[in-house]
Amino acid sequence: MDIRGTDTPWLDWSGDAIALGFFENETALTGELTQLDEKTGGTLSELIAEAEFEGKAGSSAVTRIGGNSPLRKLIVVGLGKADDLTLNTLRLGAATVARLGKKEKVKSLGIKFPVVNNDAAATTAAIAEGIILSLHQDNRFKSEPEDKPSKLETVDIFGVGEQSEAVKQAQTVCSGVILARELVAAPANAINPVTFAETAQEIARDYNLAIEILEQDQCEARGMGAFLGVAKASDLPPKFIHMTYQPSGTPKRKLAIVGKSLTFDSGGLNLKVSGSGIETMKMDMGGGAATLGAAKAIAQLKPDVEVHFICAATENMISGKAMHPGDILTASNGKTIEVNNTDAEGRLTLADALVFAEQLDVDAIVDLATLTGACIVALGDNISGLWSTNETLAAEIKTASEAAGEKFWAMPMEEKYFEGLKSPIADMKNTGPRAGGSITAALFLKQFIKETPWAHLDVAGPVWADKEQGVNNAGATGFPVRTLVNWVLNS
């Protein structure tokens, strides 16, 4: 599919279908819209009237154009109120257009949307992202896919000029999102610690990243008792992955991204029972998948920032070697942990990963994890929780997420709640009371950071969508690759 910006007058364009964006309650035809209506024999005005189209966000309508017009289809999309226009408005509008174009078997598509803040490049990139991500299909595990691929071959975005670099950047970012989607969507018999590490090696090889993979004995030598405690029950070896992107010149900043990478979570001896969603626990490496997706994109975009990508990959399984409830583990910073729930394993793997990240002497660390069901209870399926020890870093993540159209909500780091994690025989327990579970999880992770500015993202809800929404189809979403990339690019 060829996506391109153009200054070609859209009234002179001849392709299969043209899509027009309208603000809410601003559907009266004036100027060029009146000319298009006359050119198409009143088709545009009839479509707006018959569909009772008012330009509300998420609304759309399509019709065939009769007569001798070179255009075959006309699409109208609601962009909501003009005062609420953002890049994500266009991203979502483009996704709607792309899906309609696929349904209507459109091959060449023209899009006429407003330019946000006079920024033609950002406008183009947002539209391109909406098209690419909404049309992505993952048919790897189907013998005969029911959903046929889109026939869309070319997309012209009007009024933005030639924007090849913006389109290229959007395609690069989307390649990282799609990698994360396909890692999360793959079953645990396809993606396990070994194959996950092999994927990291492929990314490093293809995009010239440095990589080291610590094997079990090397992790033991570093004292990673928390990570290895989780890994003990699996027949597959744990893999501690560290990739590094190094810019050509002196980096203006050094960052670390740490992703929870449980390729399957049975719950351990605190087994997840039927009805608990155990069959979906292939997605418990959503943080690690996004970390690898961000690595793929960042390595291609080549910012002048050094970035370390860290994934402690393992399974949480059951065997005679499994850690028991009540066991005490010692993390690599010497902290001791009483395991009162083997199903709170992600924070144990992250503990050693965060210690490792801080030893790299970076300027900031962000971890992302499908960590708690409590965060989903608090914020629902579409919003990630954000905890941070540093207001500046938290603001950077929020700014990056807003540009990406990925939602985060700042949550409190309520120190008093750490009382619930205190253990009579160890430095801490790995879980606290049910109330405030996502907060106590963040407080647990905080024990493994000394001084480095740090943010924790609990992405348990947004990494998976039960139904089509926005740029995401049902299934894995690739959240929050775009936020991570934006954060690095703007650091």
Protein backbone atom coordinates (compact mmCIF):
# COMPACT_ATOMS: atom_id res chain seq x y z
CA MET A 1 0.00 0.00 0.00
CA ASP A 2 1.38 3.38 -1.07
CA ILE A 3 0.47 6.25 1.28
CA ARG A 4 1.52 9.72 0.19
CA GLY A 5 0.90 13.36 0.92
CA THR A 6 -0.04 15.65 -1.93
CA ASP A 7 -0.92 19.22 -2.84
CA THR A 8 -2.98 18.06 -5.81
CA PRO A 9 -6.31 19.94 -5.72
CA TRP A 10 -8.68 17.37 -4.31
CA LEU A 11 -11.51 18.45 -6.61
CA ASP A 12 -9.33 17.44 -9.56
CA TRP A 13 -8.40 14.05 -8.09
CA SER A 14 -9.78 10.95 -9.78
CA GLY A 15 -9.69 7.70 -7.85
CA ASP A 16 -12.09 5.13 -6.45
CA ALA A 17 -13.25 6.96 -3.33
CA ILE A 18 -12.76 10.23 -1.53
CA ALA A 19 -13.22 10.64 2.24
CA LEU A 20 -14.16 13.97 3.79
CA GLY A 21 -13.90 14.91 7.46
CA PHE A 22 -16.63 17.07 9.02
CA PHE A 23 -16.79 18.72 12.42
CA GLU A 24 -19.89 18.24 14.55
CA ASN A 25 -22.78 20.50 13.50
CA GLU A 26 -20.67 21.89 10.64
CA THR A 27 -22.03 19.86 7.75
CA ALA A 28 -23.42 22.73 5.69
CA LEU A 29 -21.83 22.72 2.23
CA THR A 30 -19.80 25.76 1.22
CA GLY A 31 -16.96 26.57 -1.15
CA GLU A 32 -15.24 23.49 -2.56
CA LEU A 33 -17.77 21.17 -0.91
CA THR A 34 -20.52 22.87 -2.91
CA GLN A 35 -18.44 22.38 -6.05
CA LEU A 36 -18.03 18.68 -5.26
CA ASP A 37 -21.74 18.34 -4.66
CA GLU A 38 -22.48 19.92 -8.03
CA LYS A 39 -19.83 17.80 -9.71
CA THR A 40 -21.40 14.61 -8.33
CA GLY A 41 -24.99 15.56 -9.09
CA GLY A 42 -25.95 16.34 -5.49
CA THR A 43 -24.61 13.07 -4.10
CA LEU A 44 -22.83 14.67 -1.13
CA SER A 45 -25.83 16.65 0.08
CA GLU A 46 -28.08 13.61 -0.37
CA LEU A 47 -25.70 11.41 1.64
CA ILE A 48 -25.58 13.89 4.52
CA ALA A 49 -29.35 14.25 4.55
CA GLU A 50 -30.30 10.60 4.17
CA ALA A 51 -27.76 9.37 6.73
CA GLU A 52 -28.72 12.21 9.10
CA PHE A 53 -25.01 12.80 9.35
CA GLU A 54 -24.07 15.50 11.87
CA GLY A 55 -20.30 15.10 12.06
CA LYS A 56 -20.28 13.52 15.52
CA ALA A 57 -17.06 11.74 16.49
CA GLY A 58 -17.08 8.14 15.29
CA SER A 59 -19.94 8.60 12.83
CA SER A 60 -19.58 7.82 9.15
CA ALA A 61 -21.52 7.15 5.98
CA VAL A 62 -20.71 6.00 2.46
CA THR A 63 -22.52 6.00 -0.87
CA ARG A 64 -21.94 5.20 -4.50
CA ILE A 65 -21.68 8.06 -6.98
CA GLY A 66 -23.75 7.72 -10.12
CA GLY A 67 -23.47 9.44 -13.47
CA ASN A 68 -20.22 10.10 -15.30
CA SER A 69 -18.11 11.04 -12.27
CA PRO A 70 -14.68 9.35 -12.21
CA LEU A 71 -15.21 8.84 -8.47
CA ARG A 72 -17.08 5.67 -7.48
CA LYS A 73 -17.63 6.23 -3.75
CA LEU A 74 -18.03 9.12 -1.35
CA ILE A 75 -17.24 8.71 2.36
CA VAL A 76 -18.03 11.19 5.13
CA VAL A 77 -16.50 10.87 8.60
CA GLY A 78 -17.38 12.73 11.78
CA LEU A 79 -14.46 14.37 13.60
CA GLY A 80 -16.39 15.65 16.60
CA LYS A 81 -16.25 19.22 17.86
CA ALA A 82 -13.71 21.49 16.20
CA ASP A 83 -12.37 22.68 19.56
CA ASP A 84 -11.52 19.07 20.46
CA LEU A 85 -9.47 18.36 17.34
CA THR A 86 -6.25 16.44 18.03
CA LEU A 87 -3.92 14.23 16.06
CA ASN A 88 -5.72 11.24 17.52
CA THR A 89 -8.99 12.55 16.08
CA LEU A 90 -7.45 12.17 12.64
CA ARG A 91 -5.88 8.80 13.54
CA LEU A 92 -9.29 7.43 14.54
CA GLY A 93 -11.00 9.04 11.55
CA ALA A 94 -8.47 7.46 9.20
CA ALA A 95 -9.07 4.06 10.81
CA THR A 96 -12.80 4.44 10.14
CA VAL A 97 -12.12 5.41 6.53
CA ALA A 98 -9.74 2.49 6.02
CA ARG A 99 -12.26 -0.05 7.30
CA LEU A 100 -15.00 1.41 5.12
CA GLY A 101 -12.64 1.38 2.15
CA LYS A 102 -11.85 -2.28 2.78
CA LYS A 103 -15.55 -3.15 3.01
CA GLU A 104 -16.26 -1.24 -0.19
CA LYS A 105 -13.29 -2.86 -2.00
CA VAL A 106 -11.66 0.50 -2.69
CA LYS A 107 -8.28 0.42 -4.45
CA SER A 108 -7.42 4.14 -4.57
CA LEU A 109 -8.48 6.43 -1.73
CA GLY A 110 -8.25 10.18 -1.20
CA ILE A 111 -8.55 11.74 2.28
CA LYS A 112 -9.41 15.38 2.97
CA PHE A 113 -9.00 16.09 6.69
CA PRO A 114 -8.02 19.32 8.46
CA VAL A 115 -4.37 19.91 9.34
CA VAL A 116 -3.79 20.00 13.11
CA ASN A 117 -1.87 23.04 14.39
CA ASN A 118 -0.57 23.72 10.87
CA ASP A 119 1.66 20.67 11.27
CA ALA A 120 1.38 18.85 7.96
CA ALA A 121 3.98 16.20 8.87
CA ALA A 122 2.32 15.19 12.15
CA THR A 123 -1.10 15.23 10.48
CA THR A 124 0.14 12.95 7.71
CA ALA A 125 1.79 10.56 10.17
CA ALA A 126 -1.35 10.28 12.30
CA ILE A 127 -3.52 9.50 9.27
CA ALA A 128 -1.01 6.95 8.01
CA GLU A 129 -0.89 5.24 11.42
CA GLY A 130 -4.67 5.01 11.54
CA ILE A 131 -4.80 3.37 8.12
CA ILE A 132 -1.94 0.90 8.67
CA LEU A 133 -2.92 -0.24 12.15
CA SER A 134 -6.64 -0.61 11.43
CA LEU A 135 -5.95 -2.76 8.35
CA HIS A 136 -3.40 -5.03 10.02
CA GLN A 137 -4.51 -8.67 10.01
CA ASP A 138 -2.85 -11.52 11.87
CA ASN A 139 -3.69 -14.71 9.99
CA ARG A 140 -0.59 -16.70 10.97
CA PHE A 141 -2.51 -19.42 12.75
CA LYS A 142 -5.47 -19.79 10.36
CA SER A 143 -5.47 -22.41 7.63
CA GLU A 144 -8.10 -20.51 5.62
CA PRO A 145 -8.56 -16.91 6.79
CA GLU A 146 -12.17 -15.78 6.64
CA ASP A 147 -11.27 -12.09 6.64
CA LYS A 148 -9.94 -11.17 3.21
CA PRO A 149 -7.16 -8.58 3.02
CA SER A 150 -7.85 -5.03 1.94
CA LYS A 151 -7.61 -4.24 -1.77
CA LEU A 152 -6.38 -0.73 -0.97
CA GLU A 153 -3.34 0.12 -3.09
CA THR A 154 -2.89 3.90 -2.86
CA VAL A 155 -3.89 6.59 -0.38
CA ASP A 156 -3.54 10.29 -1.18
CA ILE A 157 -3.70 12.71 1.75
CA PHE A 158 -4.71 16.14 0.47
CA GLY A 159 -3.43 19.53 1.57
CA VAL A 160 -0.22 18.40 3.30
CA GLY A 161 2.34 18.52 0.54
CA GLU A 162 4.90 15.82 -0.16
CA GLN A 163 5.41 14.04 3.16
CA SER A 164 7.48 10.97 2.38
CA GLU A 165 9.52 11.23 5.61
CA ALA A 166 6.40 11.51 7.76
CA VAL A 167 4.88 8.50 6.05
CA LYS A 168 8.12 6.55 6.42
CA GLN A 169 8.26 7.34 10.14
CA ALA A 170 4.65 6.26 10.59
CA GLN A 171 5.33 3.00 8.77
CA THR A 172 8.39 2.40 10.96
CA VAL A 173 6.50 3.02 14.20
CA CYS A 174 3.65 0.80 13.01
CA SER A 175 6.13 -1.99 12.26
CA GLY A 176 7.05 -1.95 15.94
CA VAL A 177 3.40 -1.91 17.01
CA ILE A 178 2.62 -4.84 14.72
CA LEU A 179 5.58 -6.83 16.06
CA ALA A 180 4.27 -6.30 19.60
CA ARG A 181 0.76 -7.31 18.52
CA GLU A 182 1.97 -10.52 16.93
CA LEU A 183 4.13 -11.45 19.93
CA VAL A 184 1.22 -10.95 22.32
CA ALA A 185 -1.24 -12.75 20.07
CA ALA A 186 0.99 -15.79 19.56
CA PRO A 187 0.21 -18.78 21.81
CA ALA A 188 2.62 -19.95 24.47
CA ASN A 189 3.65 -22.95 22.36
CA ALA A 190 4.95 -20.48 19.75
CA ILE A 191 6.36 -17.72 21.94
CA ASN A 192 8.25 -18.97 24.97
CA PRO A 193 11.42 -17.66 26.68
CA VAL A 194 13.64 -19.27 24.05
CA THR A 195 11.74 -18.04 20.97
CA PHE A 196 11.19 -14.64 22.60
CA ALA A 197 14.96 -14.31 22.98
CA GLU A 198 15.43 -15.46 19.38
CA THR A 199 13.10 -12.64 18.27
CA ALA A 200 15.25 -10.16 20.19
CA GLN A 201 18.35 -11.56 18.48
CA GLU A 202 16.72 -11.13 15.06
CA ILE A 203 15.88 -7.50 15.83
CA ALA A 204 19.43 -6.86 17.02
CA ARG A 205 20.89 -8.47 13.91
CA ASP A 206 18.55 -6.75 11.45
CA TYR A 207 18.80 -3.26 12.97
CA ASN A 208 22.35 -3.23 14.34
CA LEU A 209 21.62 -3.28 18.07
CA ALA A 210 24.04 -4.62 20.65
CA ILE A 211 22.62 -7.59 22.55
CA GLU A 212 23.54 -9.79 25.47
CA ILE A 213 21.40 -12.64 26.74
CA LEU A 214 22.20 -13.82 30.24
CA GLU A 215 21.65 -17.54 30.74
CA GLN A 216 20.55 -19.08 34.03
CA ASP A 217 24.06 -19.53 35.43
CA GLN A 218 24.92 -15.91 34.62
CA CYS A 219 21.73 -14.74 36.34
CA GLU A 220 22.69 -16.86 39.35
CA ALA A 221 26.11 -15.23 39.42
CA ARG A 222 24.41 -11.83 39.56
CA GLY A 223 22.20 -12.93 42.44
CA MET A 224 18.91 -12.64 40.55
CA GLY A 225 17.01 -14.76 43.05
CA ALA A 226 13.65 -13.10 42.48
CA PHE A 227 13.67 -13.67 38.70
CA LEU A 228 15.04 -17.20 39.02
CA GLY A 229 12.55 -18.08 41.73
CA VAL A 230 9.76 -17.59 39.20
CA ALA A 231 11.66 -19.48 36.50
CA LYS A 232 12.39 -22.60 38.60
CA ALA A 233 9.28 -24.59 37.65
CA SER A 234 9.55 -24.24 33.87
CA ASP A 235 11.20 -26.88 31.70
CA LEU A 236 12.37 -24.02 29.47
CA PRO A 237 15.40 -21.97 30.47
CA PRO A 238 14.97 -18.33 31.51
CA LYS A 239 16.47 -15.68 29.26
CA PHE A 240 17.53 -12.27 30.55
CA ILE A 241 17.67 -10.03 27.48
CA HIS A 242 19.55 -6.74 27.25
CA MET A 243 19.58 -4.87 23.93
CA THR A 244 21.21 -1.50 23.42
CA TYR A 245 20.64 1.17 20.80
CA GLN A 246 23.69 3.44 20.59
CA PRO A 247 23.51 6.60 18.44
CA SER A 248 26.39 7.49 16.16
CA GLY A 249 27.37 10.57 18.14
CA THR A 250 27.46 11.39 21.84
CA PRO A 251 24.01 10.58 23.27
CA LYS A 252 22.22 13.54 24.81
CA ARG A 253 20.45 11.18 27.22
CA LYS A 254 20.58 7.54 28.38
CA LEU A 255 17.28 5.73 28.94
CA ALA A 256 16.14 2.24 29.91
CA ILE A 257 12.88 0.49 29.00
CA VAL A 258 12.09 -2.61 31.05
CA GLY A 259 9.25 -4.92 29.95
CA LYS A 260 7.62 -7.69 31.96
CA SER A 261 8.12 -10.82 29.87
CA LEU A 262 6.13 -13.76 31.30
CA THR A 263 5.48 -15.77 28.16
CA PHE A 264 2.88 -17.78 30.07
CA ASP A 265 1.53 -17.36 33.58
CA SER A 266 -0.21 -20.37 35.11
CA GLY A 267 -0.21 -18.69 38.52
CA GLY A 268 2.29 -21.22 39.83
CA LEU A 269 1.18 -23.19 42.89
CA ASN A 270 -1.41 -20.45 43.45
CA LEU A 271 -2.89 -21.83 40.23
CA LYS A 272 -5.26 -19.71 38.20
CA VAL A 273 -8.54 -21.61 38.18
CA SER A 274 -10.97 -22.10 35.30
CA GLY A 275 -12.78 -18.85 34.63
CA SER A 276 -9.83 -16.76 35.81
CA GLY A 277 -8.65 -16.10 32.27
CA ILE A 278 -5.76 -18.54 32.41
CA GLU A 279 -6.22 -19.24 28.70
CA THR A 280 -5.33 -15.61 27.95
CA MET A 281 -2.09 -15.65 29.92
CA LYS A 282 -0.03 -15.82 26.73
CA MET A 283 -0.40 -12.03 26.82
CA ASP A 284 1.40 -11.65 30.16
CA MET A 285 4.48 -10.66 28.17
CA GLY A 286 2.69 -7.61 26.76
CA GLY A 287 5.22 -5.29 28.39
CA GLY A 288 8.15 -7.23 26.94
CA ALA A 289 6.49 -7.40 23.53
CA ALA A 290 6.09 -3.61 23.50
CA THR A 291 9.71 -3.26 24.58
CA LEU A 292 10.88 -5.30 21.59
CA GLY A 293 8.46 -3.41 19.31
CA ALA A 294 9.85 -0.09 20.54
CA ALA A 295 13.40 -1.39 19.99
CA LYS A 296 12.58 -2.29 16.40
CA ALA A 297 11.16 1.16 15.67
CA ILE A 298 13.76 3.20 17.58
CA ALA A 299 16.66 1.38 15.93
CA GLN A 300 15.31 2.45 12.54
CA LEU A 301 14.45 6.04 13.52
CA LYS A 302 17.95 6.58 14.98
CA PRO A 303 17.42 9.29 17.64
CA ASP A 304 20.46 10.81 19.37
CA VAL A 305 19.54 9.02 22.60
CA GLU A 306 21.07 5.84 24.02
CA VAL A 307 18.35 3.31 24.90
CA HIS A 308 18.60 0.04 26.80
CA PHE A 309 15.83 -2.54 26.33
CA ILE A 310 15.56 -5.14 29.11
CA CYS A 311 13.33 -8.22 29.29
CA ALA A 312 13.56 -10.93 31.96
CA ALA A 313 11.80 -13.69 30.04
CA THR A 314 10.43 -16.85 31.63
CA GLU A 315 7.29 -18.86 32.27
CA ASN A 316 5.47 -19.16 35.60
CA MET A 317 4.66 -22.86 35.74
CA ILE A 318 4.02 -25.75 38.12
CA SER A 319 6.38 -28.64 38.89
CA GLY A 320 8.22 -30.23 41.78
CA LYS A 321 10.76 -27.44 41.47
CA ALA A 322 8.22 -24.62 41.74
CA MET A 323 8.57 -21.91 44.36
CA HIS A 324 6.13 -22.41 47.22
CA PRO A 325 3.88 -19.90 48.87
CA GLY A 326 5.89 -18.88 51.91
CA ASP A 327 9.31 -19.19 50.23
CA ILE A 328 11.80 -16.36 50.74
CA LEU A 329 13.70 -15.09 47.71
CA THR A 330 16.68 -12.76 47.67
CA ALA A 331 16.81 -10.22 44.83
CA SER A 332 20.03 -8.96 43.28
CA ASN A 333 20.07 -5.84 45.46
CA GLY A 334 19.99 -8.01 48.61
CA LYS A 335 16.34 -7.36 49.43
CA THR A 336 14.47 -10.41 50.74
CA ILE A 337 10.93 -11.21 49.64
CA GLU A 338 8.41 -13.52 51.28
CA VAL A 339 6.31 -15.03 48.49
CA ASN A 340 2.77 -15.05 49.80
CA ASN A 341 1.29 -15.49 46.33
CA THR A 342 3.09 -17.22 43.45
CA ASP A 343 0.65 -15.56 41.05
CA ALA A 344 2.23 -12.18 41.79
CA GLU A 345 5.28 -13.25 39.83
CA GLY A 346 5.71 -10.39 37.37
CA ARG A 347 6.93 -7.99 40.02
CA LEU A 348 9.54 -10.57 41.08
CA THR A 349 11.02 -10.73 37.59
CA LEU A 350 10.90 -6.93 37.30
CA ALA A 351 12.69 -6.52 40.63
CA ASP A 352 15.95 -7.94 39.29
CA ALA A 353 15.43 -6.26 35.91
CA LEU A 354 15.09 -2.83 37.55
CA VAL A 355 18.23 -3.37 39.62
CA PHE A 356 20.07 -4.33 36.42
CA ALA A 357 18.74 -1.24 34.60
CA GLU A 358 19.85 1.16 37.34
CA GLN A 359 23.34 -0.33 37.33
CA LEU A 360 23.64 0.89 33.72
CA ASP A 361 23.80 4.48 35.06
CA VAL A 362 20.92 5.72 32.90
CA ASP A 363 19.09 9.03 33.25
CA ALA A 364 15.60 7.52 33.49
CA ILE A 365 13.92 4.12 33.66
CA VAL A 366 10.42 3.19 32.49
CA ASP A 367 9.00 -0.24 33.18
CA LEU A 368 5.82 -1.54 31.61
CA ALA A 369 3.92 -4.59 32.73
CA THR A 370 0.61 -6.40 32.58
CA LEU A 371 0.95 -6.34 36.34
CA THR A 372 -2.40 -6.23 38.14
CA GLY A 373 -6.06 -6.94 37.63
CA ALA A 374 -6.55 -4.20 40.22
CA CYS A 375 -5.47 -1.61 37.67
CA ILE A 376 -8.17 -2.83 35.28
CA VAL A 377 -10.73 -2.55 38.09
CA ALA A 378 -9.56 1.01 38.75
CA LEU A 379 -9.16 2.30 35.19
CA GLY A 380 -10.95 -0.14 32.89
CA ASP A 381 -9.66 -1.77 29.74
CA ASN A 382 -8.55 1.32 27.82
CA ILE A 383 -6.42 3.29 30.29
CA SER A 384 -3.02 2.42 31.72
CA GLY A 385 -1.93 3.38 35.20
CA LEU A 386 1.16 5.59 35.59
CA TRP A 387 3.23 5.78 38.77
CA SER A 388 6.43 7.78 39.02
CA THR A 389 8.96 9.06 41.51
CA ASN A 390 9.72 12.01 39.24
CA GLU A 391 7.21 14.64 38.09
CA THR A 392 9.26 15.61 35.04
CA LEU A 393 9.44 12.01 33.80
CA ALA A 394 5.73 11.50 34.43
CA ALA A 395 4.97 14.64 32.39
CA GLU A 396 7.19 13.36 29.55
CA ILE A 397 5.26 10.08 29.43
CA LYS A 398 1.92 11.90 29.48
CA THR A 399 2.96 14.18 26.61
CA ALA A 400 4.23 11.24 24.60
CA SER A 401 1.04 9.27 25.20
CA GLU A 402 -1.25 12.13 24.21
CA ALA A 403 0.50 12.44 20.85
CA ALA A 404 0.17 8.67 20.42
CA GLY A 405 -3.49 8.57 21.37
CA GLU A 406 -2.72 6.05 24.14
CA LYS A 407 -4.32 6.84 27.49
CA PHE A 408 -2.55 6.97 30.86
CA TRP A 409 -3.76 8.14 34.24
CA ALA A 410 -1.37 9.27 36.96
CA MET A 411 -1.86 7.17 40.09
CA PRO A 412 -0.71 7.92 43.65
CA MET A 413 2.47 6.49 45.12
CA GLU A 414 0.87 6.28 48.58
CA GLU A 415 3.80 5.35 50.82
CA LYS A 416 1.56 4.48 53.76
CA TYR A 417 0.20 1.53 51.77
CA PHE A 418 3.62 -0.15 51.99
CA GLU A 419 2.58 -1.19 55.49
CA GLY A 420 0.51 -3.89 53.80
CA LEU A 421 3.66 -5.37 52.22
CA LYS A 422 5.65 -5.72 55.42
CA SER A 423 6.68 -9.25 56.40
CA PRO A 424 7.60 -10.48 59.88
CA ILE A 425 10.41 -12.67 58.49
CA ALA A 426 11.63 -10.88 55.34
CA ASP A 427 12.06 -7.33 54.06
CA MET A 428 8.70 -7.46 52.34
CA LYS A 429 5.97 -9.70 50.96
CA ASN A 430 5.25 -9.77 47.25
CA THR A 431 1.57 -8.84 47.67
CA GLY A 432 -0.43 -6.74 50.08
CA PRO A 433 -4.13 -6.39 50.84
CA ARG A 434 -6.65 -6.58 48.01
CA ALA A 435 -7.54 -2.89 48.35
CA GLY A 436 -5.17 -0.68 46.39
CA GLY A 437 -3.50 -3.68 44.76
CA SER A 438 -2.07 -1.75 41.82
CA ILE A 439 -0.60 0.86 44.18
CA THR A 440 1.09 -1.69 46.44
CA ALA A 441 2.49 -3.38 43.32
CA ALA A 442 4.08 -0.08 42.30
CA LEU A 443 5.42 0.41 45.84
CA PHE A 444 6.95 -3.08 45.70
CA LEU A 445 8.81 -2.19 42.48
CA LYS A 446 9.98 1.08 44.00
CA GLN A 447 12.10 -0.91 46.49
CA PHE A 448 14.40 -1.89 43.61
CA ILE A 449 15.18 1.64 42.45
CA LYS A 450 17.58 3.79 44.47
CA GLU A 451 17.89 7.23 42.88
CA THR A 452 17.20 7.10 39.14
CA PRO A 453 14.02 8.83 37.92
CA TRP A 454 11.58 5.97 37.32
CA ALA A 455 8.08 5.43 36.00
CA HIS A 456 5.95 2.30 36.20
CA LEU A 457 3.23 1.66 33.61
CA ASP A 458 0.58 -0.95 34.46
CA VAL A 459 -0.74 -1.83 31.00
CA ALA A 460 -2.84 -4.86 31.98
CA GLY A 461 -6.01 -3.53 30.37
CA PRO A 462 -4.97 -1.84 27.11
CA VAL A 463 -2.68 -4.57 25.70
CA TRP A 464 -5.74 -6.58 24.62
CA ALA A 465 -9.06 -5.56 23.04
CA ASP A 466 -12.10 -7.81 23.14
CA LYS A 467 -13.58 -6.04 20.13
CA GLU A 468 -12.59 -3.66 17.35
CA GLN A 469 -12.04 -0.15 18.65
CA GLY A 470 -10.20 2.85 17.26
CA VAL A 471 -7.07 1.76 15.39
CA ASN A 472 -7.17 -1.66 17.08
CA ASN A 473 -8.86 -4.75 15.80
CA ALA A 474 -9.98 -7.37 18.31
CA GLY A 475 -7.02 -9.00 20.05
CA ALA A 476 -3.52 -7.71 20.77
CA THR A 477 -3.14 -3.94 20.43
CA GLY A 478 0.61 -3.24 20.55
CA PHE A 479 0.06 -0.79 23.42
CA PRO A 480 2.13 1.30 24.33
CA VAL A 481 4.82 1.10 21.61
CA ARG A 482 3.88 4.48 20.13
CA THR A 483 4.14 6.19 23.53
CA LEU A 484 7.57 4.70 24.18
CA VAL A 485 8.83 5.76 20.75
CA ASN A 486 7.49 9.29 21.20
CA TRP A 487 9.14 9.51 24.63
CA VAL A 488 12.53 8.52 23.26
CA LEU A 489 12.30 10.71 20.14
CA ASN A 490 11.45 13.78 22.24
CA SER A 491 14.01 13.15 24.98
